[in-house]
């Protein structure tokens, strides 16, 4: 029986950036259309302490669309060694209309409730630029579904 591999990182929450720091994003704290247009959404990674040297690959799945590849995070460069939690960010897709994995139309920046899942795994140096492996055997993890709300109006 193979040894079970813990996820290299798990996503613990979504946040908006404010002047006083990061504020949790919930269904009760909607983003304005102006915030969506100007600011990224932050997510927090809990990094597994026994996999301190693991570089990360990360994809965002927004509204059940095909995964969007985020830049790889390298330990010691992008993520300092010895850090247990790390915030990173992504932008809401800047398209007026897209299609989800089932072919349905979705409107990424439209007012309403949107879903986000983030998957993480160990980056294998020999696979740089090739197919990314998010399997549990590679320390892969997919976050629970987070909901974020975009409020109607609010443009300045």
N, C-alpha and C. Protein backbone atom coordinates (compact mmCIF):
# COMPACT_ATOMS: atom_id res chain seq x y z
N UNK A 1 0.84 -1.18 0.00
CA UNK A 1 0.00 0.00 0.00
C UNK A 1 0.89 1.24 0.00
N UNK A 2 0.59 2.16 -0.92
CA UNK A 2 1.40 3.37 -1.05
C UNK A 2 1.12 4.31 0.12
N UNK A 3 2.15 5.06 0.50
CA UNK A 3 1.98 6.04 1.57
C UNK A 3 1.08 7.17 1.09
N UNK A 4 0.21 7.63 1.97
CA UNK A 4 -0.70 8.71 1.61
C UNK A 4 0.08 10.03 1.62
N UNK A 5 -0.11 10.81 0.58
CA UNK A 5 0.57 12.09 0.46
C UNK A 5 -0.42 13.19 0.83
N UNK A 6 -0.02 14.05 1.75
CA UNK A 6 -0.86 15.18 2.14
C UNK A 6 -0.82 16.24 1.05
N UNK A 7 -1.91 17.01 0.92
CA UNK A 7 -1.88 18.10 -0.06
C UNK A 7 -0.74 19.07 0.25
N UNK A 8 -0.06 19.53 -0.77
CA UNK A 8 1.05 20.45 -0.59
C UNK A 8 0.54 21.81 -0.09
N UNK A 9 -0.70 22.15 -0.45
CA UNK A 9 -1.32 23.41 0.00
C UNK A 9 -2.83 23.28 -0.12
N UNK A 10 -3.54 23.93 0.78
CA UNK A 10 -5.00 23.98 0.70
C UNK A 10 -5.43 25.43 0.78
N UNK A 11 -6.54 25.75 0.12
CA UNK A 11 -7.06 27.11 0.13
C UNK A 11 -8.04 27.25 1.28
N UNK A 12 -7.84 28.27 2.10
CA UNK A 12 -8.67 28.42 3.31
C UNK A 12 -9.66 29.58 3.24
N UNK A 13 -9.60 30.43 2.22
CA UNK A 13 -10.57 31.51 2.13
C UNK A 13 -10.29 32.47 1.00
N UNK A 14 -11.32 33.28 0.69
CA UNK A 14 -11.23 34.34 -0.31
C UNK A 14 -11.35 35.68 0.39
N UNK A 15 -10.63 36.68 -0.12
CA UNK A 15 -10.58 37.98 0.54
C UNK A 15 -10.57 39.12 -0.48
N UNK A 16 -11.01 40.29 -0.05
CA UNK A 16 -10.86 41.52 -0.82
C UNK A 16 -9.80 42.35 -0.14
N UNK A 17 -9.06 43.11 -0.91
CA UNK A 17 -8.06 44.00 -0.34
C UNK A 17 -8.71 45.32 0.04
N UNK A 18 -8.41 45.80 1.25
CA UNK A 18 -8.91 47.09 1.71
C UNK A 18 -7.73 47.89 2.24
N UNK A 19 -7.95 49.15 2.58
CA UNK A 19 -6.88 49.98 3.13
C UNK A 19 -6.39 49.43 4.46
N UNK A 20 -7.25 48.71 5.18
CA UNK A 20 -6.86 48.17 6.49
C UNK A 20 -6.39 46.72 6.41
N UNK A 21 -6.26 46.17 5.22
CA UNK A 21 -5.79 44.79 5.07
C UNK A 21 -6.76 43.95 4.26
N UNK A 22 -6.72 42.64 4.48
CA UNK A 22 -7.59 41.72 3.75
C UNK A 22 -8.87 41.49 4.56
N UNK A 23 -10.01 41.51 3.86
CA UNK A 23 -11.32 41.31 4.48
C UNK A 23 -11.96 40.08 3.84
N UNK A 24 -12.49 39.14 4.64
CA UNK A 24 -13.09 37.94 4.04
C UNK A 24 -14.23 38.29 3.08
N UNK A 25 -14.27 37.57 1.97
CA UNK A 25 -15.37 37.71 1.01
C UNK A 25 -16.41 36.65 1.33
N UNK A 26 -17.62 37.09 1.55
CA UNK A 26 -18.72 36.17 1.81
C UNK A 26 -19.91 36.63 0.97
N UNK A 27 -20.98 35.86 1.03
CA UNK A 27 -22.19 36.25 0.32
C UNK A 27 -22.75 37.56 0.86
N UNK A 28 -22.42 37.88 2.11
CA UNK A 28 -22.92 39.10 2.74
C UNK A 28 -22.04 40.32 2.51
N UNK A 29 -20.88 40.13 1.87
CA UNK A 29 -19.96 41.25 1.60
C UNK A 29 -19.67 41.31 0.10
N UNK A 30 -20.63 41.80 -0.70
CA UNK A 30 -20.45 41.79 -2.15
C UNK A 30 -19.37 42.75 -2.62
N UNK A 31 -18.76 42.38 -3.73
CA UNK A 31 -17.82 43.25 -4.43
C UNK A 31 -18.64 44.21 -5.29
N UNK A 32 -18.19 45.43 -5.42
CA UNK A 32 -18.84 46.35 -6.35
C UNK A 32 -18.28 46.08 -7.75
N UNK A 33 -18.98 46.55 -8.77
CA UNK A 33 -18.48 46.39 -10.13
C UNK A 33 -17.14 47.10 -10.30
N UNK A 34 -16.97 48.23 -9.61
CA UNK A 34 -15.71 48.96 -9.67
C UNK A 34 -14.58 48.14 -9.04
N UNK A 35 -14.83 47.48 -7.90
CA UNK A 35 -13.82 46.63 -7.27
C UNK A 35 -13.42 45.48 -8.19
N UNK A 36 -14.40 44.87 -8.84
CA UNK A 36 -14.13 43.75 -9.74
C UNK A 36 -13.27 44.20 -10.90
N UNK A 37 -13.55 45.39 -11.40
CA UNK A 37 -12.80 45.92 -12.54
C UNK A 37 -11.37 46.31 -12.15
N UNK A 38 -11.17 46.83 -10.93
CA UNK A 38 -9.88 47.39 -10.54
C UNK A 38 -9.01 46.49 -9.67
N UNK A 39 -9.62 45.62 -8.86
CA UNK A 39 -8.86 44.90 -7.83
C UNK A 39 -8.91 43.39 -8.01
N UNK A 40 -7.85 42.72 -7.62
CA UNK A 40 -7.88 41.25 -7.64
C UNK A 40 -8.61 40.70 -6.42
N UNK A 41 -8.93 39.43 -6.49
CA UNK A 41 -9.47 38.68 -5.35
C UNK A 41 -8.30 37.91 -4.76
N UNK A 42 -8.13 37.99 -3.45
CA UNK A 42 -7.04 37.28 -2.79
C UNK A 42 -7.55 35.95 -2.26
N UNK A 43 -6.71 34.96 -2.25
CA UNK A 43 -7.01 33.70 -1.60
C UNK A 43 -5.84 33.35 -0.70
N UNK A 44 -6.13 32.61 0.36
CA UNK A 44 -5.10 32.25 1.32
C UNK A 44 -4.78 30.77 1.20
N UNK A 45 -3.49 30.49 1.09
CA UNK A 45 -3.00 29.12 1.02
C UNK A 45 -2.46 28.70 2.38
N UNK A 46 -2.90 27.55 2.87
CA UNK A 46 -2.26 26.96 4.03
C UNK A 46 -1.25 25.96 3.48
N UNK A 47 0.01 26.21 3.71
CA UNK A 47 1.08 25.40 3.15
C UNK A 47 1.41 24.26 4.10
N UNK A 48 1.50 23.05 3.59
CA UNK A 48 1.78 21.90 4.43
C UNK A 48 3.20 21.98 4.98
N UNK A 49 3.38 21.92 6.31
CA UNK A 49 4.70 22.13 6.90
C UNK A 49 5.74 21.07 6.53
N UNK A 50 5.31 19.86 6.20
CA UNK A 50 6.27 18.81 5.86
C UNK A 50 6.70 18.85 4.40
N UNK A 51 6.10 19.73 3.63
CA UNK A 51 6.45 19.83 2.22
C UNK A 51 7.00 21.23 1.92
N UNK A 52 7.85 21.69 2.82
CA UNK A 52 8.36 23.06 2.76
C UNK A 52 9.10 23.39 1.47
N UNK A 53 9.70 22.42 0.82
CA UNK A 53 10.45 22.70 -0.40
C UNK A 53 9.61 22.57 -1.66
N UNK A 54 8.33 22.26 -1.53
CA UNK A 54 7.49 22.03 -2.70
C UNK A 54 7.09 23.32 -3.40
N UNK A 55 7.38 23.41 -4.69
CA UNK A 55 6.87 24.50 -5.51
C UNK A 55 5.43 24.17 -5.87
N UNK A 56 4.62 25.19 -6.20
CA UNK A 56 3.19 24.98 -6.41
C UNK A 56 2.74 25.30 -7.82
N UNK A 57 1.75 24.53 -8.28
CA UNK A 57 0.98 24.88 -9.46
C UNK A 57 -0.44 25.16 -8.97
N UNK A 58 -1.09 26.15 -9.57
CA UNK A 58 -2.41 26.58 -9.09
C UNK A 58 -3.29 26.90 -10.29
N UNK A 59 -4.52 26.42 -10.23
CA UNK A 59 -5.54 26.75 -11.23
C UNK A 59 -6.76 27.31 -10.51
N UNK A 60 -7.47 28.24 -11.14
CA UNK A 60 -8.73 28.77 -10.63
C UNK A 60 -9.83 28.30 -11.55
N UNK A 61 -10.91 27.80 -10.95
CA UNK A 61 -12.09 27.39 -11.71
C UNK A 61 -13.20 28.35 -11.30
N UNK A 62 -13.55 29.25 -12.20
CA UNK A 62 -14.53 30.30 -11.94
C UNK A 62 -15.83 29.95 -12.64
N UNK A 63 -16.93 29.90 -11.91
CA UNK A 63 -18.26 29.61 -12.47
C UNK A 63 -18.27 28.34 -13.33
N UNK A 64 -17.56 27.31 -12.90
CA UNK A 64 -17.54 26.02 -13.59
C UNK A 64 -16.98 26.10 -15.00
N UNK A 65 -16.15 27.13 -15.26
CA UNK A 65 -15.49 27.23 -16.57
C UNK A 65 -14.25 26.35 -16.55
N UNK A 66 -13.62 26.21 -17.66
CA UNK A 66 -12.36 25.47 -17.71
C UNK A 66 -11.36 26.15 -16.78
N UNK A 67 -10.48 25.36 -16.16
CA UNK A 67 -9.51 25.94 -15.23
C UNK A 67 -8.62 26.99 -15.91
N UNK A 68 -8.39 28.08 -15.17
CA UNK A 68 -7.48 29.13 -15.62
C UNK A 68 -6.16 28.94 -14.88
N UNK A 69 -5.10 28.83 -15.62
CA UNK A 69 -3.78 28.59 -15.05
C UNK A 69 -3.22 29.87 -14.44
N UNK A 70 -2.80 29.78 -13.18
CA UNK A 70 -2.12 30.90 -12.52
C UNK A 70 -0.62 30.65 -12.57
N UNK A 71 0.19 31.69 -12.40
CA UNK A 71 1.64 31.47 -12.41
C UNK A 71 2.08 30.50 -11.31
N UNK A 72 3.09 29.68 -11.62
CA UNK A 72 3.64 28.77 -10.62
C UNK A 72 4.25 29.58 -9.49
N UNK A 73 4.19 29.04 -8.27
CA UNK A 73 4.79 29.68 -7.11
C UNK A 73 5.99 28.85 -6.67
N UNK A 74 7.15 29.48 -6.62
CA UNK A 74 8.39 28.79 -6.27
C UNK A 74 8.75 29.10 -4.82
N UNK A 75 9.04 28.04 -4.05
CA UNK A 75 9.46 28.24 -2.66
C UNK A 75 10.84 28.87 -2.64
N UNK A 76 11.01 29.82 -1.73
CA UNK A 76 12.28 30.50 -1.61
C UNK A 76 12.36 31.74 -2.48
N UNK A 77 11.51 31.82 -3.52
CA UNK A 77 11.48 32.99 -4.39
C UNK A 77 10.13 33.68 -4.25
N UNK A 78 9.05 33.00 -4.71
CA UNK A 78 7.70 33.57 -4.63
C UNK A 78 7.11 33.39 -3.23
N UNK A 79 7.43 32.28 -2.59
CA UNK A 79 6.96 31.99 -1.22
C UNK A 79 8.20 31.79 -0.35
N UNK A 80 8.43 32.68 0.61
CA UNK A 80 9.60 32.49 1.47
C UNK A 80 9.51 31.17 2.24
N UNK A 81 10.63 30.56 2.48
CA UNK A 81 10.67 29.32 3.25
C UNK A 81 10.27 29.61 4.69
N UNK A 82 9.61 28.64 5.32
CA UNK A 82 9.21 28.79 6.71
C UNK A 82 7.88 29.51 6.90
N UNK A 83 7.23 29.95 5.81
CA UNK A 83 5.94 30.62 5.91
C UNK A 83 4.85 29.56 5.86
N UNK A 84 3.89 29.62 6.79
CA UNK A 84 2.84 28.61 6.84
C UNK A 84 1.61 29.00 6.01
N UNK A 85 1.26 30.29 6.01
CA UNK A 85 0.12 30.78 5.22
C UNK A 85 0.65 31.78 4.21
N UNK A 86 0.02 31.80 3.04
CA UNK A 86 0.49 32.72 2.02
C UNK A 86 -0.69 33.23 1.20
N UNK A 87 -0.86 34.55 1.08
CA UNK A 87 -1.93 35.06 0.22
C UNK A 87 -1.42 35.21 -1.22
N UNK A 88 -2.27 34.91 -2.16
CA UNK A 88 -1.98 35.15 -3.57
C UNK A 88 -3.27 35.72 -4.15
N UNK A 89 -3.32 35.98 -5.44
CA UNK A 89 -4.49 36.64 -6.00
C UNK A 89 -4.77 36.18 -7.42
N UNK A 90 -6.01 36.46 -7.84
CA UNK A 90 -6.42 36.24 -9.22
C UNK A 90 -7.42 37.34 -9.57
N UNK A 91 -7.63 37.53 -10.85
CA UNK A 91 -8.62 38.51 -11.31
C UNK A 91 -9.85 37.77 -11.80
N UNK A 92 -11.01 38.38 -11.61
CA UNK A 92 -12.24 37.83 -12.19
C UNK A 92 -12.06 37.94 -13.70
N UNK A 93 -12.34 36.86 -14.45
CA UNK A 93 -12.10 36.91 -15.90
C UNK A 93 -12.71 38.16 -16.54
N UNK A 94 -11.93 38.87 -17.35
CA UNK A 94 -12.36 40.16 -17.89
C UNK A 94 -13.22 40.07 -19.14
N UNK A 95 -14.01 39.03 -19.28
CA UNK A 95 -14.80 38.84 -20.49
C UNK A 95 -16.27 39.12 -20.21
N UNK A 96 -16.97 39.65 -21.20
CA UNK A 96 -18.40 39.93 -21.06
C UNK A 96 -19.19 38.62 -21.04
N UNK A 97 -18.77 37.64 -21.85
CA UNK A 97 -19.49 36.36 -21.94
C UNK A 97 -18.49 35.25 -22.20
N UNK A 98 -18.68 34.11 -21.55
CA UNK A 98 -17.84 32.93 -21.75
C UNK A 98 -18.75 31.71 -21.71
N UNK A 99 -18.14 30.53 -21.84
CA UNK A 99 -18.90 29.28 -21.75
C UNK A 99 -18.28 28.40 -20.68
N UNK A 100 -19.15 27.73 -19.89
CA UNK A 100 -18.62 26.83 -18.86
C UNK A 100 -18.29 25.49 -19.50
N UNK A 101 -17.86 24.53 -18.67
CA UNK A 101 -17.42 23.23 -19.20
C UNK A 101 -18.54 22.46 -19.87
N UNK A 102 -19.81 22.82 -19.59
CA UNK A 102 -20.95 22.16 -20.24
C UNK A 102 -21.46 22.95 -21.45
N UNK A 103 -20.79 24.05 -21.80
CA UNK A 103 -21.20 24.84 -22.95
C UNK A 103 -22.21 25.93 -22.64
N UNK A 104 -22.63 26.05 -21.37
CA UNK A 104 -23.60 27.09 -21.02
C UNK A 104 -22.91 28.44 -21.00
N UNK A 105 -23.65 29.50 -21.34
CA UNK A 105 -23.11 30.85 -21.27
C UNK A 105 -23.01 31.29 -19.83
N UNK A 106 -21.88 31.92 -19.49
CA UNK A 106 -21.70 32.53 -18.18
C UNK A 106 -21.18 33.95 -18.40
N UNK A 107 -21.45 34.79 -17.43
CA UNK A 107 -21.10 36.20 -17.52
C UNK A 107 -20.24 36.54 -16.31
N UNK A 108 -18.91 36.41 -16.44
CA UNK A 108 -18.02 36.49 -15.28
C UNK A 108 -18.14 37.74 -14.41
N UNK A 109 -18.34 38.89 -15.00
CA UNK A 109 -18.37 40.12 -14.20
C UNK A 109 -19.78 40.66 -14.00
N UNK A 110 -20.78 39.85 -14.29
CA UNK A 110 -22.16 40.29 -14.12
C UNK A 110 -22.54 40.29 -12.64
N UNK A 111 -23.41 41.20 -12.25
CA UNK A 111 -23.90 41.16 -10.87
C UNK A 111 -24.54 39.81 -10.56
N UNK A 112 -24.40 39.37 -9.32
CA UNK A 112 -24.97 38.10 -8.89
C UNK A 112 -23.94 37.26 -8.15
N UNK A 113 -24.31 36.02 -7.88
CA UNK A 113 -23.45 35.10 -7.15
C UNK A 113 -22.62 34.28 -8.12
N UNK A 114 -21.33 34.20 -7.87
CA UNK A 114 -20.41 33.44 -8.70
C UNK A 114 -19.68 32.43 -7.83
N UNK A 115 -19.20 31.35 -8.45
CA UNK A 115 -18.48 30.32 -7.70
C UNK A 115 -17.02 30.28 -8.11
N UNK A 116 -16.19 29.93 -7.13
CA UNK A 116 -14.75 29.82 -7.34
C UNK A 116 -14.25 28.57 -6.63
N UNK A 117 -13.47 27.76 -7.34
CA UNK A 117 -12.72 26.66 -6.74
C UNK A 117 -11.27 26.83 -7.17
N UNK A 118 -10.36 26.51 -6.26
CA UNK A 118 -8.94 26.65 -6.56
C UNK A 118 -8.27 25.31 -6.30
N UNK A 119 -7.53 24.85 -7.30
CA UNK A 119 -6.82 23.59 -7.10
C UNK A 119 -5.32 23.85 -7.06
N UNK A 120 -4.66 23.08 -6.22
CA UNK A 120 -3.22 23.23 -6.01
C UNK A 120 -2.55 21.87 -6.08
N UNK A 121 -1.28 21.86 -6.38
CA UNK A 121 -0.48 20.62 -6.38
C UNK A 121 1.00 20.99 -6.40
N UNK A 122 1.82 19.99 -6.24
CA UNK A 122 3.27 20.18 -6.29
C UNK A 122 3.69 20.38 -7.74
N UNK A 123 4.58 21.31 -7.95
CA UNK A 123 5.13 21.55 -9.29
C UNK A 123 6.36 20.67 -9.44
N UNK A 124 6.32 19.82 -10.44
CA UNK A 124 7.47 18.98 -10.75
C UNK A 124 8.34 19.73 -11.76
N UNK A 125 9.59 19.90 -11.44
CA UNK A 125 10.49 20.66 -12.32
C UNK A 125 10.57 20.05 -13.72
N UNK A 126 10.54 18.74 -13.82
CA UNK A 126 10.64 18.11 -15.13
C UNK A 126 9.38 18.29 -15.97
N UNK A 127 8.29 18.77 -15.36
CA UNK A 127 7.05 18.97 -16.10
C UNK A 127 6.78 20.44 -16.39
N UNK A 128 7.75 21.29 -16.21
CA UNK A 128 7.55 22.73 -16.46
C UNK A 128 7.03 22.94 -17.88
N UNK A 129 5.90 23.63 -17.98
CA UNK A 129 5.32 23.93 -19.28
C UNK A 129 4.53 22.80 -19.90
N UNK A 130 4.50 21.63 -19.25
CA UNK A 130 3.77 20.48 -19.79
C UNK A 130 2.46 20.33 -19.04
N UNK A 131 1.81 19.19 -19.22
CA UNK A 131 0.54 18.91 -18.54
C UNK A 131 0.76 18.96 -17.04
N UNK A 132 -0.14 19.62 -16.35
CA UNK A 132 -0.02 19.79 -14.91
C UNK A 132 -0.79 18.67 -14.20
N UNK A 133 -0.20 18.13 -13.16
CA UNK A 133 -0.75 16.98 -12.45
C UNK A 133 -1.32 17.42 -11.10
N UNK A 134 -2.66 17.43 -10.98
CA UNK A 134 -3.33 17.82 -9.75
C UNK A 134 -3.84 16.61 -8.97
N UNK A 135 -3.29 15.45 -9.24
CA UNK A 135 -3.74 14.23 -8.57
C UNK A 135 -3.32 14.22 -7.10
N UNK A 136 -4.03 13.46 -6.25
CA UNK A 136 -3.62 13.33 -4.85
C UNK A 136 -2.20 12.78 -4.70
N UNK A 137 -1.77 11.94 -5.63
CA UNK A 137 -0.41 11.39 -5.57
C UNK A 137 0.64 12.48 -5.74
N UNK A 138 0.25 13.61 -6.33
CA UNK A 138 1.17 14.73 -6.52
C UNK A 138 0.89 15.85 -5.51
N UNK A 139 0.24 15.51 -4.40
CA UNK A 139 -0.07 16.51 -3.37
C UNK A 139 -1.17 17.45 -3.79
N UNK A 140 -2.03 16.99 -4.72
CA UNK A 140 -3.10 17.83 -5.24
C UNK A 140 -4.26 18.01 -4.27
N UNK A 141 -4.91 19.15 -4.38
CA UNK A 141 -6.06 19.47 -3.55
C UNK A 141 -6.96 20.43 -4.32
N UNK A 142 -8.27 20.26 -4.20
CA UNK A 142 -9.22 21.20 -4.77
C UNK A 142 -10.03 21.78 -3.63
N UNK A 143 -10.12 23.10 -3.60
CA UNK A 143 -10.82 23.78 -2.51
C UNK A 143 -12.31 23.46 -2.56
N UNK A 144 -13.00 23.70 -1.45
CA UNK A 144 -14.46 23.67 -1.53
C UNK A 144 -14.91 24.81 -2.44
N UNK A 145 -16.18 24.80 -2.81
CA UNK A 145 -16.71 25.87 -3.64
C UNK A 145 -16.91 27.11 -2.77
N UNK A 146 -16.26 28.20 -3.18
CA UNK A 146 -16.46 29.49 -2.52
C UNK A 146 -17.44 30.29 -3.36
N UNK A 147 -18.30 31.05 -2.71
CA UNK A 147 -19.21 31.93 -3.43
C UNK A 147 -18.79 33.37 -3.19
N UNK A 148 -18.76 34.14 -4.27
CA UNK A 148 -18.56 35.57 -4.12
C UNK A 148 -19.68 36.27 -4.87
N UNK A 149 -20.09 37.40 -4.34
CA UNK A 149 -21.21 38.13 -4.90
C UNK A 149 -20.70 39.45 -5.48
N UNK A 150 -21.21 39.75 -6.67
CA UNK A 150 -20.93 41.05 -7.30
C UNK A 150 -22.23 41.83 -7.25
N UNK A 151 -22.18 43.00 -6.63
CA UNK A 151 -23.36 43.84 -6.45
C UNK A 151 -23.67 44.59 -7.74
N UNK A 152 -24.94 44.87 -7.95
CA UNK A 152 -25.36 45.69 -9.07
C UNK A 152 -25.00 47.14 -8.78
N UNK A 153 -24.66 47.92 -9.81
CA UNK A 153 -24.31 49.33 -9.62
C UNK A 153 -22.94 49.48 -9.02
N UNK A 154 -22.65 50.63 -8.47
CA UNK A 154 -21.40 50.86 -7.77
C UNK A 154 -20.25 51.34 -8.65
N UNK A 155 -20.49 51.59 -9.95
CA UNK A 155 -19.42 52.13 -10.80
C UNK A 155 -19.19 53.58 -10.41
N UNK A 156 -17.92 54.01 -10.44
CA UNK A 156 -17.66 55.42 -10.15
C UNK A 156 -17.19 56.14 -11.38
